[in-house]
């Protein structure tokens, strides 16, 4: 779903209200109950958080302190 992708980009950039935006996007795109939408939101947030954490670990540089 492209709408969830753009909501995740917004939440990643501004860092706030991603949960509210995802609930709104999911409620517009699907016709599930709020409990199921909240579960979908939490699972997608966990996936995006895991991917972001993995990216940060893989792309971060560690620098040794200067010796001397």
N, C-alpha and C. Protein backbone atom coordinates (compact mmCIF):
# COMPACT_ATOMS: atom_id res chain seq x y z
N UNK A 1 0.84 -1.18 0.00
CA UNK A 1 0.00 0.00 0.00
C UNK A 1 0.89 1.24 0.00
N UNK A 2 0.78 2.03 -1.02
CA UNK A 2 1.60 3.25 -1.08
C UNK A 2 1.26 4.25 0.03
N UNK A 3 0.03 4.26 0.48
CA UNK A 3 -0.36 5.23 1.52
C UNK A 3 0.38 4.94 2.83
N UNK A 4 0.56 3.66 3.15
CA UNK A 4 1.29 3.32 4.37
C UNK A 4 2.75 3.71 4.23
N UNK A 5 3.31 3.52 3.04
CA UNK A 5 4.70 3.91 2.80
C UNK A 5 4.87 5.41 3.02
N UNK A 6 3.98 6.23 2.45
CA UNK A 6 4.10 7.68 2.61
C UNK A 6 3.85 8.10 4.06
N UNK A 7 2.97 7.40 4.75
CA UNK A 7 2.76 7.69 6.17
C UNK A 7 4.01 7.37 6.96
N UNK A 8 4.69 6.28 6.61
CA UNK A 8 5.93 5.91 7.31
C UNK A 8 7.04 6.92 7.02
N UNK A 9 7.10 7.41 5.79
CA UNK A 9 8.11 8.43 5.47
C UNK A 9 7.83 9.70 6.27
N UNK A 10 6.58 10.10 6.34
CA UNK A 10 6.21 11.27 7.13
C UNK A 10 6.59 11.07 8.60
N UNK A 11 6.24 9.91 9.15
CA UNK A 11 6.55 9.64 10.55
C UNK A 11 8.04 9.56 10.81
N UNK A 12 8.80 9.03 9.84
CA UNK A 12 10.24 8.97 10.00
C UNK A 12 10.89 10.33 9.93
N UNK A 13 10.34 11.21 9.12
CA UNK A 13 10.92 12.54 8.97
C UNK A 13 10.58 13.44 10.16
N UNK A 14 9.32 13.47 10.53
CA UNK A 14 8.89 14.36 11.60
C UNK A 14 8.94 13.69 12.97
N UNK A 15 8.87 12.35 13.00
CA UNK A 15 9.02 11.62 14.25
C UNK A 15 7.84 11.69 15.18
N UNK A 16 6.69 12.06 14.72
CA UNK A 16 5.55 12.13 15.62
C UNK A 16 4.24 11.82 14.93
N UNK A 17 3.29 11.36 15.70
CA UNK A 17 1.92 11.10 15.27
C UNK A 17 1.81 10.03 14.20
N UNK A 18 2.80 9.16 14.09
CA UNK A 18 2.74 8.11 13.07
C UNK A 18 1.62 7.13 13.37
N UNK A 19 1.41 6.82 14.63
CA UNK A 19 0.34 5.89 14.98
C UNK A 19 -1.03 6.40 14.59
N UNK A 20 -1.27 7.66 14.83
CA UNK A 20 -2.56 8.26 14.48
C UNK A 20 -2.75 8.27 12.97
N UNK A 21 -1.69 8.60 12.24
CA UNK A 21 -1.78 8.65 10.78
C UNK A 21 -2.00 7.26 10.22
N UNK A 22 -1.31 6.25 10.77
CA UNK A 22 -1.50 4.89 10.27
C UNK A 22 -2.91 4.37 10.55
N UNK A 23 -3.46 4.68 11.71
CA UNK A 23 -4.85 4.28 12.00
C UNK A 23 -5.80 4.94 11.00
N UNK A 24 -5.57 6.22 10.69
CA UNK A 24 -6.43 6.92 9.73
C UNK A 24 -6.31 6.30 8.34
N UNK A 25 -5.09 6.02 7.90
CA UNK A 25 -4.89 5.44 6.57
C UNK A 25 -5.51 4.05 6.50
N UNK A 26 -5.28 3.23 7.52
CA UNK A 26 -5.85 1.88 7.52
C UNK A 26 -7.37 1.90 7.58
N UNK A 27 -7.94 2.84 8.32
CA UNK A 27 -9.40 2.90 8.39
C UNK A 27 -10.02 3.36 7.08
N UNK A 28 -9.27 4.16 6.31
CA UNK A 28 -9.78 4.57 5.00
C UNK A 28 -9.63 3.47 3.96
N UNK A 29 -8.59 2.66 4.09
CA UNK A 29 -8.30 1.64 3.08
C UNK A 29 -8.98 0.31 3.35
N UNK A 30 -9.27 0.00 4.59
CA UNK A 30 -9.90 -1.27 4.93
C UNK A 30 -11.17 -1.01 5.73
N UNK A 31 -11.93 -2.05 5.90
CA UNK A 31 -13.18 -1.93 6.65
C UNK A 31 -13.17 -2.89 7.83
N UNK A 32 -12.06 -2.88 8.58
CA UNK A 32 -11.94 -3.73 9.76
C UNK A 32 -12.34 -2.95 11.01
N UNK A 33 -12.42 -3.71 12.11
CA UNK A 33 -12.70 -3.07 13.39
C UNK A 33 -11.45 -2.36 13.89
N UNK A 34 -11.62 -1.47 14.82
CA UNK A 34 -10.52 -0.67 15.35
C UNK A 34 -9.47 -1.55 16.03
N UNK A 35 -9.89 -2.63 16.68
CA UNK A 35 -8.95 -3.52 17.35
C UNK A 35 -8.01 -4.16 16.33
N UNK A 36 -8.55 -4.62 15.21
CA UNK A 36 -7.71 -5.23 14.17
C UNK A 36 -6.82 -4.19 13.51
N UNK A 37 -7.34 -2.99 13.31
CA UNK A 37 -6.51 -1.92 12.72
C UNK A 37 -5.35 -1.57 13.63
N UNK A 38 -5.60 -1.55 14.93
CA UNK A 38 -4.52 -1.24 15.87
C UNK A 38 -3.46 -2.33 15.85
N UNK A 39 -3.87 -3.59 15.72
CA UNK A 39 -2.90 -4.69 15.64
C UNK A 39 -2.08 -4.58 14.36
N UNK A 40 -2.72 -4.23 13.25
CA UNK A 40 -1.99 -4.05 12.00
C UNK A 40 -1.01 -2.89 12.12
N UNK A 41 -1.43 -1.84 12.78
CA UNK A 41 -0.56 -0.67 12.96
C UNK A 41 0.66 -1.04 13.78
N UNK A 42 0.45 -1.77 14.87
CA UNK A 42 1.58 -2.15 15.72
C UNK A 42 2.55 -3.07 14.99
N UNK A 43 2.03 -4.00 14.20
CA UNK A 43 2.93 -4.90 13.48
C UNK A 43 3.71 -4.15 12.41
N UNK A 44 3.08 -3.19 11.74
CA UNK A 44 3.82 -2.43 10.74
C UNK A 44 4.85 -1.51 11.39
N UNK A 45 4.54 -0.95 12.55
CA UNK A 45 5.53 -0.13 13.25
C UNK A 45 6.72 -0.96 13.70
N UNK A 46 6.47 -2.19 14.12
CA UNK A 46 7.58 -3.06 14.52
C UNK A 46 8.46 -3.40 13.33
N UNK A 47 7.83 -3.68 12.18
CA UNK A 47 8.61 -3.98 10.98
C UNK A 47 9.46 -2.80 10.56
N UNK A 48 8.86 -1.62 10.51
CA UNK A 48 9.61 -0.44 10.10
C UNK A 48 10.72 -0.11 11.11
N UNK A 49 10.44 -0.31 12.38
CA UNK A 49 11.47 -0.07 13.40
C UNK A 49 12.63 -1.04 13.27
N UNK A 50 12.32 -2.31 12.99
CA UNK A 50 13.38 -3.30 12.82
C UNK A 50 14.22 -3.00 11.59
N UNK A 51 13.55 -2.60 10.50
CA UNK A 51 14.30 -2.27 9.28
C UNK A 51 15.17 -1.03 9.49
N UNK A 52 14.64 -0.05 10.18
CA UNK A 52 15.41 1.16 10.43
C UNK A 52 16.61 0.87 11.33
N UNK A 53 16.39 0.06 12.34
CA UNK A 53 17.49 -0.31 13.23
C UNK A 53 18.57 -1.11 12.51
N UNK A 54 18.15 -2.04 11.66
CA UNK A 54 19.12 -2.82 10.90
C UNK A 54 19.91 -1.94 9.94
N UNK A 55 19.24 -1.00 9.32
CA UNK A 55 19.93 -0.09 8.41
C UNK A 55 20.95 0.76 9.16
N UNK A 56 20.56 1.23 10.32
CA UNK A 56 21.48 2.07 11.10
C UNK A 56 22.70 1.27 11.56
N UNK A 57 22.48 0.03 11.96
CA UNK A 57 23.60 -0.81 12.39
C UNK A 57 24.54 -1.10 11.21
N UNK A 58 23.95 -1.41 10.06
CA UNK A 58 24.77 -1.78 8.91
C UNK A 58 25.50 -0.60 8.28
N UNK A 59 24.97 0.59 8.41
CA UNK A 59 25.58 1.74 7.74
C UNK A 59 26.35 2.66 8.67
N UNK A 60 26.34 2.38 9.97
CA UNK A 60 27.05 3.27 10.89
C UNK A 60 28.54 2.96 10.88
N UNK A 61 29.28 3.96 11.12
CA UNK A 61 30.74 3.82 11.19
C UNK A 61 31.18 3.95 12.64
N UNK A 62 32.08 3.12 13.01
CA UNK A 62 32.66 3.26 14.34
C UNK A 62 34.08 3.75 14.18
N UNK A 63 34.40 4.76 14.92
CA UNK A 63 35.74 5.34 14.84
C UNK A 63 36.48 5.08 16.14
N UNK A 64 37.71 4.67 16.02
CA UNK A 64 38.53 4.42 17.19
C UNK A 64 38.99 5.77 17.75
N UNK A 65 39.07 5.86 19.07
CA UNK A 65 39.57 7.12 19.65
C UNK A 65 41.04 7.32 19.28
N UNK A 66 41.44 8.55 19.19
CA UNK A 66 42.84 8.79 18.82
C UNK A 66 43.79 8.24 19.88
N UNK A 67 44.82 7.60 19.43
CA UNK A 67 45.80 7.06 20.37
C UNK A 67 46.88 8.09 20.62
N UNK A 68 47.34 8.09 21.80
CA UNK A 68 48.44 8.97 21.93
C UNK A 68 48.62 9.70 23.14
